[in-house]
Amino acid sequence: MQAVTLYSTRVCGFCSRAKALLEAKRVPYTEIMVDLDPARREEMVQKSGRHTVPQIFIGGRHVGGYVDLYLLDRHGGLDPLLAEPIR
């Protein structure tokens, strides 16, 4: 299974939804709290080009935010992406 990284903050409804979706699918993820570490926020912006949270990466590939993750799952693309061989 591909590694999942989720950049989030403590107070973010979309972050909570993204985590709930991943947890419902029993997908382990690493959460990086950007409100606690400004350097990690800058890292998120550099990697994603976006300032909002959550920003989600699967296997190093930027998926986007919660809505992007939800739509990827709804259209059947999330499970295959998670199942890709680790490079």
PDB file of N, CA and C in Angstrom:
ATOM      1  N   MET A   1       0.845  -1.183   0.000  1.00  0.00           N
ATOM      2  CA  MET A   1       0.000   0.000   0.000  1.00  0.00           C
ATOM      3  C   MET A   1       0.886   1.240   0.000  1.00  0.00           C
ATOM      4  N   GLN A   2       0.507   2.200  -0.802  1.00  0.00           N
ATOM      5  CA  GLN A   2       1.239   3.462  -0.883  1.00  0.00           C
ATOM      6  C   GLN A   2       1.135   4.227   0.440  1.00  0.00           C
ATOM      7  N   ALA A   3       2.178   4.960   0.782  1.00  0.00           N
ATOM      8  CA  ALA A   3       2.172   5.810   1.972  1.00  0.00           C
ATOM      9  C   ALA A   3       1.282   7.022   1.720  1.00  0.00           C
ATOM     10  N   VAL A   4       0.520   7.390   2.732  1.00  0.00           N
ATOM     11  CA  VAL A   4      -0.371   8.547   2.646  1.00  0.00           C
ATOM     12  C   VAL A   4       0.085   9.581   3.668  1.00  0.00           C
ATOM     13  N   THR A   5       0.243  10.816   3.204  1.00  0.00           N
ATOM     14  CA  THR A   5       0.605  11.928   4.073  1.00  0.00           C
ATOM     15  C   THR A   5      -0.481  12.980   3.958  1.00  0.00           C
ATOM     16  N   LEU A   6      -0.920  13.474   5.105  1.00  0.00           N
ATOM     17  CA  LEU A   6      -1.993  14.451   5.155  1.00  0.00           C
ATOM     18  C   LEU A   6      -1.507  15.653   5.963  1.00  0.00           C
ATOM     19  N   TYR A   7      -1.411  16.806   5.318  1.00  0.00           N
ATOM     20  CA  TYR A   7      -1.089  18.052   6.005  1.00  0.00           C
ATOM     21  C   TYR A   7      -2.403  18.637   6.503  1.00  0.00           C
ATOM     22  N   SER A   8      -2.456  18.977   7.791  1.00  0.00           N
ATOM     23  CA  SER A   8      -3.709  19.461   8.360  1.00  0.00           C
ATOM     24  C   SER A   8      -3.452  20.470   9.474  1.00  0.00           C
ATOM     25  N   THR A   9      -4.546  20.936  10.061  1.00  0.00           N
ATOM     26  CA  THR A   9      -4.504  21.788  11.248  1.00  0.00           C
ATOM     27  C   THR A   9      -5.453  21.202  12.282  1.00  0.00           C
ATOM     28  N   ARG A  10      -5.346  21.706  13.504  1.00  0.00           N
ATOM     29  CA  ARG A  10      -6.195  21.186  14.590  1.00  0.00           C
ATOM     30  C   ARG A  10      -7.664  21.516  14.390  1.00  0.00           C
ATOM     31  N   VAL A  11      -7.951  22.664  13.787  1.00  0.00           N
ATOM     32  CA  VAL A  11      -9.338  23.093  13.614  1.00  0.00           C
ATOM     33  C   VAL A  11      -9.636  23.196  12.119  1.00  0.00           C
ATOM     34  N   CYS A  12     -10.088  22.089  11.540  1.00  0.00           N
ATOM     35  CA  CYS A  12     -10.333  22.062  10.095  1.00  0.00           C
ATOM     36  C   CYS A  12     -11.352  20.961   9.807  1.00  0.00           C
ATOM     37  N   GLY A  13     -12.547  21.346   9.435  1.00  0.00           N
ATOM     38  CA  GLY A  13     -13.590  20.369   9.135  1.00  0.00           C
ATOM     39  C   GLY A  13     -13.245  19.471   7.960  1.00  0.00           C
ATOM     40  N   PHE A  14     -12.645  20.032   6.926  1.00  0.00           N
ATOM     41  CA  PHE A  14     -12.278  19.220   5.770  1.00  0.00           C
ATOM     42  C   PHE A  14     -11.164  18.228   6.116  1.00  0.00           C
ATOM     43  N   CYS A  15     -10.272  18.637   7.028  1.00  0.00           N
ATOM     44  CA  CYS A  15      -9.219  17.718   7.489  1.00  0.00           C
ATOM     45  C   CYS A  15      -9.859  16.536   8.210  1.00  0.00           C
ATOM     46  N   SER A  16     -10.832  16.829   9.066  1.00  0.00           N
ATOM     47  CA  SER A  16     -11.532  15.761   9.800  1.00  0.00           C
ATOM     48  C   SER A  16     -12.233  14.814   8.843  1.00  0.00           C
ATOM     49  N   ARG A  17     -12.842  15.353   7.811  1.00  0.00           N
ATOM     50  CA  ARG A  17     -13.520  14.507   6.818  1.00  0.00           C
ATOM     51  C   ARG A  17     -12.542  13.638   6.050  1.00  0.00           C
ATOM     52  N   ALA A  18     -11.407  14.215   5.680  1.00  0.00           N
ATOM     53  CA  ALA A  18     -10.393  13.443   4.955  1.00  0.00           C
ATOM     54  C   ALA A  18      -9.882  12.296   5.830  1.00  0.00           C
ATOM     55  N   LYS A  19      -9.605  12.583   7.091  1.00  0.00           N
ATOM     56  CA  LYS A  19      -9.127  11.540   8.000  1.00  0.00           C
ATOM     57  C   LYS A  19     -10.192  10.469   8.199  1.00  0.00           C
ATOM     58  N   ALA A  20     -11.458  10.882   8.312  1.00  0.00           N
ATOM     59  CA  ALA A  20     -12.544   9.914   8.484  1.00  0.00           C
ATOM     60  C   ALA A  20     -12.678   9.005   7.262  1.00  0.00           C
ATOM     61  N   LEU A  21     -12.536   9.569   6.068  1.00  0.00           N
ATOM     62  CA  LEU A  21     -12.615   8.762   4.849  1.00  0.00           C
ATOM     63  C   LEU A  21     -11.489   7.734   4.829  1.00  0.00           C
ATOM     64  N   LEU A  22     -10.272   8.176   5.125  1.00  0.00           N
ATOM     65  CA  LEU A  22      -9.137   7.259   5.135  1.00  0.00           C
ATOM     66  C   LEU A  22      -9.294   6.194   6.217  1.00  0.00           C
ATOM     67  N   GLU A  23      -9.750   6.596   7.392  1.00  0.00           N
ATOM     68  CA  GLU A  23      -9.942   5.644   8.485  1.00  0.00           C
ATOM     69  C   GLU A  23     -11.038   4.635   8.168  1.00  0.00           C
ATOM     70  N   ALA A  24     -12.109   5.081   7.509  1.00  0.00           N
ATOM     71  CA  ALA A  24     -13.191   4.165   7.129  1.00  0.00           C
ATOM     72  C   ALA A  24     -12.690   3.101   6.151  1.00  0.00           C
ATOM     73  N   LYS A  25     -11.702   3.473   5.342  1.00  0.00           N
ATOM     74  CA  LYS A  25     -11.119   2.535   4.388  1.00  0.00           C
ATOM     75  C   LYS A  25      -9.931   1.785   4.999  1.00  0.00           C
ATOM     76  N   ARG A  26      -9.652   2.055   6.271  1.00  0.00           N
ATOM     77  CA  ARG A  26      -8.537   1.437   7.001  1.00  0.00           C
ATOM     78  C   ARG A  26      -7.190   1.702   6.331  1.00  0.00           C
ATOM     79  N   VAL A  27      -7.038   2.945   5.898  1.00  0.00           N
ATOM     80  CA  VAL A  27      -5.798   3.376   5.266  1.00  0.00           C
ATOM     81  C   VAL A  27      -4.970   4.121   6.309  1.00  0.00           C
ATOM     82  N   PRO A  28      -3.788   3.610   6.635  1.00  0.00           N
ATOM     83  CA  PRO A  28      -2.926   4.345   7.565  1.00  0.00           C
ATOM     84  C   PRO A  28      -2.380   5.598   6.893  1.00  0.00           C
ATOM     85  N   TYR A  29      -2.182   6.634   7.683  1.00  0.00           N
ATOM     86  CA  TYR A  29      -1.656   7.881   7.134  1.00  0.00           C
ATOM     87  C   TYR A  29      -0.775   8.571   8.171  1.00  0.00           C
ATOM     88  N   THR A  30       0.091   9.420   7.670  1.00  0.00           N
ATOM     89  CA  THR A  30       0.910  10.270   8.511  1.00  0.00           C
ATOM     90  C   THR A  30       0.320  11.660   8.461  1.00  0.00           C
ATOM     91  N   GLU A  31       0.021  12.200   9.628  1.00  0.00           N
ATOM     92  CA  GLU A  31      -0.560  13.542   9.703  1.00  0.00           C
ATOM     93  C   GLU A  31       0.513  14.538  10.122  1.00  0.00           C
ATOM     94  N   ILE A  32       0.607  15.621   9.372  1.00  0.00           N
ATOM     95  CA  ILE A  32       1.546  16.694   9.684  1.00  0.00           C
ATOM     96  C   ILE A  32       0.718  17.930  10.020  1.00  0.00           C
ATOM     97  N   MET A  33       0.838  18.373  11.266  1.00  0.00           N
ATOM     98  CA  MET A  33       0.056  19.508  11.755  1.00  0.00           C
ATOM     99  C   MET A  33       0.791  20.816  11.435  1.00  0.00           C
ATOM    100  N   VAL A  34       0.362  21.503  10.397  1.00  0.00           N
ATOM    101  CA  VAL A  34       1.068  22.698   9.951  1.00  0.00           C
ATOM    102  C   VAL A  34       0.798  23.914  10.825  1.00  0.00           C
ATOM    103  N   ASP A  35      -0.248  23.881  11.645  1.00  0.00           N
ATOM    104  CA  ASP A  35      -0.494  25.006  12.538  1.00  0.00           C
ATOM    105  C   ASP A  35       0.462  24.985  13.734  1.00  0.00           C
ATOM    106  N   LEU A  36       1.114  23.875  13.960  1.00  0.00           N
ATOM    107  CA  LEU A  36       2.069  23.756  15.060  1.00  0.00           C
ATOM    108  C   LEU A  36       3.513  24.006  14.609  1.00  0.00           C
ATOM    109  N   ASP A  37       3.738  24.007  13.297  1.00  0.00           N
ATOM    110  CA  ASP A  37       5.104  24.115  12.780  1.00  0.00           C
ATOM    111  C   ASP A  37       5.102  24.893  11.461  1.00  0.00           C
ATOM    112  N   PRO A  38       5.401  26.185  11.506  1.00  0.00           N
ATOM    113  CA  PRO A  38       5.389  27.005  10.287  1.00  0.00           C
ATOM    114  C   PRO A  38       6.298  26.469   9.176  1.00  0.00           C
ATOM    115  N   ALA A  39       7.391  25.830   9.534  1.00  0.00           N
ATOM    116  CA  ALA A  39       8.279  25.281   8.506  1.00  0.00           C
ATOM    117  C   ALA A  39       7.586  24.168   7.735  1.00  0.00           C
ATOM    118  N   ARG A  40       6.764  23.396   8.411  1.00  0.00           N
ATOM    119  CA  ARG A  40       6.021  22.315   7.735  1.00  0.00           C
ATOM    120  C   ARG A  40       4.933  22.893   6.829  1.00  0.00           C
ATOM    121  N   ARG A  41       4.342  24.033   7.238  1.00  0.00           N
ATOM    122  CA  ARG A  41       3.368  24.702   6.356  1.00  0.00           C
ATOM    123  C   ARG A  41       4.060  25.135   5.074  1.00  0.00           C
ATOM    124  N   GLU A  42       5.239  25.726   5.191  1.00  0.00           N
ATOM    125  CA  GLU A  42       5.992  26.150   4.007  1.00  0.00           C
ATOM    126  C   GLU A  42       6.336  24.946   3.135  1.00  0.00           C
ATOM    127  N   GLU A  43       6.697  23.841   3.766  1.00  0.00           N
ATOM    128  CA  GLU A  43       6.963  22.598   3.035  1.00  0.00           C
ATOM    129  C   GLU A  43       5.728  22.167   2.243  1.00  0.00           C
ATOM    130  N   MET A  44       4.556  22.237   2.881  1.00  0.00           N
ATOM    131  CA  MET A  44       3.301  21.869   2.227  1.00  0.00           C
ATOM    132  C   MET A  44       3.049  22.753   1.009  1.00  0.00           C
ATOM    133  N   VAL A  45       3.229  24.064   1.183  1.00  0.00           N
ATOM    134  CA  VAL A  45       3.003  25.005   0.079  1.00  0.00           C
ATOM    135  C   VAL A  45       3.973  24.731  -1.064  1.00  0.00           C
ATOM    136  N   GLN A  46       5.235  24.480  -0.741  1.00  0.00           N
ATOM    137  CA  GLN A  46       6.231  24.191  -1.774  1.00  0.00           C
ATOM    138  C   GLN A  46       5.878  22.918  -2.547  1.00  0.00           C
ATOM    139  N   LYS A  47       5.417  21.892  -1.832  1.00  0.00           N
ATOM    140  CA  LYS A  47       5.117  20.610  -2.472  1.00  0.00           C
ATOM    141  C   LYS A  47       3.811  20.634  -3.259  1.00  0.00           C
ATOM    142  N   SER A  48       2.803  21.375  -2.745  1.00  0.00           N
ATOM    143  CA  SER A  48       1.473  21.323  -3.355  1.00  0.00           C
ATOM    144  C   SER A  48       1.122  22.555  -4.181  1.00  0.00           C
ATOM    145  N   GLY A  49       1.777  23.683  -3.880  1.00  0.00           N
ATOM    146  CA  GLY A  49       1.399  24.931  -4.538  1.00  0.00           C
ATOM    147  C   GLY A  49       0.130  25.530  -3.966  1.00  0.00           C
ATOM    148  N   ARG A  50      -0.356  24.965  -2.867  1.00  0.00           N
ATOM    149  CA  ARG A  50      -1.601  25.423  -2.243  1.00  0.00           C
ATOM    150  C   ARG A  50      -1.347  25.825  -0.792  1.00  0.00           C
ATOM    151  N   HIS A  51      -2.178  26.762  -0.318  1.00  0.00           N
ATOM    152  CA  HIS A  51      -2.049  27.264   1.047  1.00  0.00           C
ATOM    153  C   HIS A  51      -3.089  26.683   1.992  1.00  0.00           C
ATOM    154  N   THR A  52      -4.097  26.010   1.461  1.00  0.00           N
ATOM    155  CA  THR A  52      -5.192  25.506   2.283  1.00  0.00           C
ATOM    156  C   THR A  52      -4.936  24.068   2.736  1.00  0.00           C
ATOM    157  N   VAL A  53      -5.613  23.692   3.805  1.00  0.00           N
ATOM    158  CA  VAL A  53      -5.542  22.322   4.306  1.00  0.00           C
ATOM    159  C   VAL A  53      -6.913  21.683   4.193  1.00  0.00           C
ATOM    160  N   PRO A  54      -6.956  20.370   4.082  1.00  0.00           N
ATOM    161  CA  PRO A  54      -5.825  19.467   4.031  1.00  0.00           C
ATOM    162  C   PRO A  54      -5.192  19.444   2.640  1.00  0.00           C
ATOM    163  N   GLN A  55      -3.951  19.021   2.624  1.00  0.00           N
ATOM    164  CA  GLN A  55      -3.273  18.665   1.375  1.00  0.00           C
ATOM    165  C   GLN A  55      -2.830  17.227   1.553  1.00  0.00           C
ATOM    166  N   ILE A  56      -3.202  16.401   0.591  1.00  0.00           N
ATOM    167  CA  ILE A  56      -3.024  14.960   0.724  1.00  0.00           C
ATOM    168  C   ILE A  56      -2.104  14.450  -0.376  1.00  0.00           C
ATOM    169  N   PHE A  57      -1.169  13.603   0.043  1.00  0.00           N
ATOM    170  CA  PHE A  57      -0.216  12.986  -0.874  1.00  0.00           C
ATOM    171  C   PHE A  57      -0.306  11.478  -0.713  1.00  0.00           C
ATOM    172  N   ILE A  58      -0.354  10.784  -1.839  1.00  0.00           N
ATOM    173  CA  ILE A  58      -0.374   9.320  -1.832  1.00  0.00           C
ATOM    174  C   ILE A  58       0.822   8.853  -2.645  1.00  0.00           C
ATOM    175  N   GLY A  59       1.709   8.147  -1.967  1.00  0.00           N
ATOM    176  CA  GLY A  59       2.927   7.692  -2.633  1.00  0.00           C
ATOM    177  C   GLY A  59       3.748   8.830  -3.189  1.00  0.00           C
ATOM    178  N   GLY A  60       3.717   9.972  -2.526  1.00  0.00           N
ATOM    179  CA  GLY A  60       4.464  11.131  -2.988  1.00  0.00           C
ATOM    180  C   GLY A  60       3.747  11.939  -4.048  1.00  0.00           C
ATOM    181  N   ARG A  61       2.626  11.447  -4.533  1.00  0.00           N
ATOM    182  CA  ARG A  61       1.834  12.142  -5.560  1.00  0.00           C
ATOM    183  C   ARG A  61       0.795  13.026  -4.897  1.00  0.00           C
ATOM    184  N   HIS A  62       0.732  14.297  -5.273  1.00  0.00           N
ATOM    185  CA  HIS A  62      -0.244  15.220  -4.702  1.00  0.00           C
ATOM    186  C   HIS A  62      -1.634  14.893  -5.239  1.00  0.00           C
ATOM    187  N   VAL A  63      -2.537  14.588  -4.324  1.00  0.00           N
ATOM    188  CA  VAL A  63      -3.915  14.266  -4.689  1.00  0.00           C
ATOM    189  C   VAL A  63      -4.779  15.515  -4.620  1.00  0.00           C
ATOM    190  N   GLY A  64      -4.467  16.415  -3.690  1.00  0.00           N
ATOM    191  CA  GLY A  64      -5.256  17.628  -3.501  1.00  0.00           C
ATOM    192  C   GLY A  64      -5.817  17.683  -2.101  1.00  0.00           C
ATOM    193  N   GLY A  65      -6.979  18.313  -1.979  1.00  0.00           N
ATOM    194  CA  GLY A  65      -7.642  18.454  -0.691  1.00  0.00           C
ATOM    195  C   GLY A  65      -8.703  17.388  -0.486  1.00  0.00           C
ATOM    196  N   TYR A  66      -9.574  17.634   0.498  1.00  0.00           N
ATOM    197  CA  TYR A  66     -10.601  16.645   0.825  1.00  0.00           C
ATOM    198  C   TYR A  66     -11.531  16.369  -0.353  1.00  0.00           C
ATOM    199  N   VAL A  67     -12.023  17.408  -1.004  1.00  0.00           N
ATOM    200  CA  VAL A  67     -12.969  17.205  -2.108  1.00  0.00           C
ATOM    201  C   VAL A  67     -12.312  16.374  -3.210  1.00  0.00           C
ATOM    202  N   ASP A  68     -11.065  16.644  -3.492  1.00  0.00           N
ATOM    203  CA  ASP A  68     -10.334  15.863  -4.502  1.00  0.00           C
ATOM    204  C   ASP A  68     -10.243  14.395  -4.087  1.00  0.00           C
ATOM    205  N   LEU A  69      -9.926  14.165  -2.808  1.00  0.00           N
ATOM    206  CA  LEU A  69      -9.839  12.798  -2.288  1.00  0.00           C
ATOM    207  C   LEU A  69     -11.197  12.103  -2.373  1.00  0.00           C
ATOM    208  N   TYR A  70     -12.244  12.799  -1.968  1.00  0.00           N
ATOM    209  CA  TYR A  70     -13.597  12.250  -2.003  1.00  0.00           C
ATOM    210  C   TYR A  70     -13.993  11.870  -3.436  1.00  0.00           C
ATOM    211  N   LEU A  71     -13.760  12.777  -4.378  1.00  0.00           N
ATOM    212  CA  LEU A  71     -14.122  12.504  -5.774  1.00  0.00           C
ATOM    213  C   LEU A  71     -13.290  11.361  -6.355  1.00  0.00           C
ATOM    214  N   LEU A  72     -12.019  11.300  -5.994  1.00  0.00           N
ATOM    215  CA  LEU A  72     -11.165  10.204  -6.432  1.00  0.00           C
ATOM    216  C   LEU A  72     -11.738   8.876  -5.946  1.00  0.00           C
ATOM    217  N   ASP A  73     -12.169   8.848  -4.695  1.00  0.00           N
ATOM    218  CA  ASP A  73     -12.761   7.636  -4.138  1.00  0.00           C
ATOM    219  C   ASP A  73     -14.104   7.327  -4.801  1.00  0.00           C
ATOM    220  N   ARG A  74     -14.927   8.321  -4.933  1.00  0.00           N
ATOM    221  CA  ARG A  74     -16.265   8.125  -5.509  1.00  0.00           C
ATOM    222  C   ARG A  74     -16.217   7.603  -6.947  1.00  0.00           C
ATOM    223  N   HIS A  75     -15.204   8.026  -7.690  1.00  0.00           N
ATOM    224  CA  HIS A  75     -15.073   7.599  -9.085  1.00  0.00           C
ATOM    225  C   HIS A  75     -14.195   6.363  -9.248  1.00  0.00           C
ATOM    226  N   GLY A  76     -13.860   5.724  -8.127  1.00  0.00           N
ATOM    227  CA  GLY A  76     -13.154   4.454  -8.187  1.00  0.00           C
ATOM    228  C   GLY A  76     -11.653   4.538  -8.381  1.00  0.00           C
ATOM    229  N   GLY A  77     -11.069   5.718  -8.197  1.00  0.00           N
ATOM    230  CA  GLY A  77      -9.646   5.864  -8.428  1.00  0.00           C
ATOM    231  C   GLY A  77      -8.763   5.743  -7.198  1.00  0.00           C
ATOM    232  N   LEU A  78      -9.355   5.842  -6.005  1.00  0.00           N
ATOM    233  CA  LEU A  78      -8.538   5.841  -4.793  1.00  0.00           C
ATOM    234  C   LEU A  78      -7.938   4.481  -4.493  1.00  0.00           C
ATOM    235  N   ASP A  79      -8.733   3.439  -4.513  1.00  0.00           N
ATOM    236  CA  ASP A  79      -8.217   2.107  -4.186  1.00  0.00           C
ATOM    237  C   ASP A  79      -7.100   1.672  -5.127  1.00  0.00           C
ATOM    238  N   PRO A  80      -7.250   1.842  -6.445  1.00  0.00           N
ATOM    239  CA  PRO A  80      -6.132   1.485  -7.328  1.00  0.00           C
ATOM    240  C   PRO A  80      -4.868   2.302  -7.070  1.00  0.00           C
ATOM    241  N   LEU A  81      -5.032   3.573  -6.756  1.00  0.00           N
ATOM    242  CA  LEU A  81      -3.874   4.419  -6.466  1.00  0.00           C
ATOM    243  C   LEU A  81      -3.160   3.930  -5.202  1.00  0.00           C
ATOM    244  N   LEU A  82      -3.924   3.599  -4.187  1.00  0.00           N
ATOM    245  CA  LEU A  82      -3.346   3.085  -2.937  1.00  0.00           C
ATOM    246  C   LEU A  82      -2.643   1.750  -3.156  1.00  0.00           C
ATOM    247  N   ALA A  83      -3.166   0.957  -4.073  1.00  0.00           N
ATOM    248  CA  ALA A  83      -2.640  -0.378  -4.295  1.00  0.00           C
ATOM    249  C   ALA A  83      -1.440  -0.427  -5.246  1.00  0.00           C
ATOM    250  N   GLU A  84      -1.096   0.704  -5.878  1.00  0.00           N
ATOM    251  CA  GLU A  84       0.046   0.711  -6.803  1.00  0.00           C
ATOM    252  C   GLU A  84       1.298   0.241  -6.080  1.00  0.00           C
ATOM    253  N   PRO A  85       2.152  -0.476  -6.782  1.00  0.00           N
ATOM    254  CA  PRO A  85       3.417  -0.903  -6.168  1.00  0.00           C
ATOM    255  C   PRO A  85       4.236   0.300  -5.722  1.00  0.00           C
ATOM    256  N   ILE A  86       4.917   0.166  -4.611  1.00  0.00           N
ATOM    257  CA  ILE A  86       5.765   1.238  -4.100  1.00  0.00           C
ATOM    258  C   ILE A  86       7.025   1.288  -4.947  1.00  0.00           C
ATOM    259  N   ARG A  87       7.345   2.501  -5.395  1.00  0.00           N
ATOM    260  CA  ARG A  87       8.520   2.686  -6.264  1.00  0.00           C
ATOM    261  C   ARG A  87       9.718   3.091  -5.464  1.00  0.00           C
TER     262      ARG A  87
END
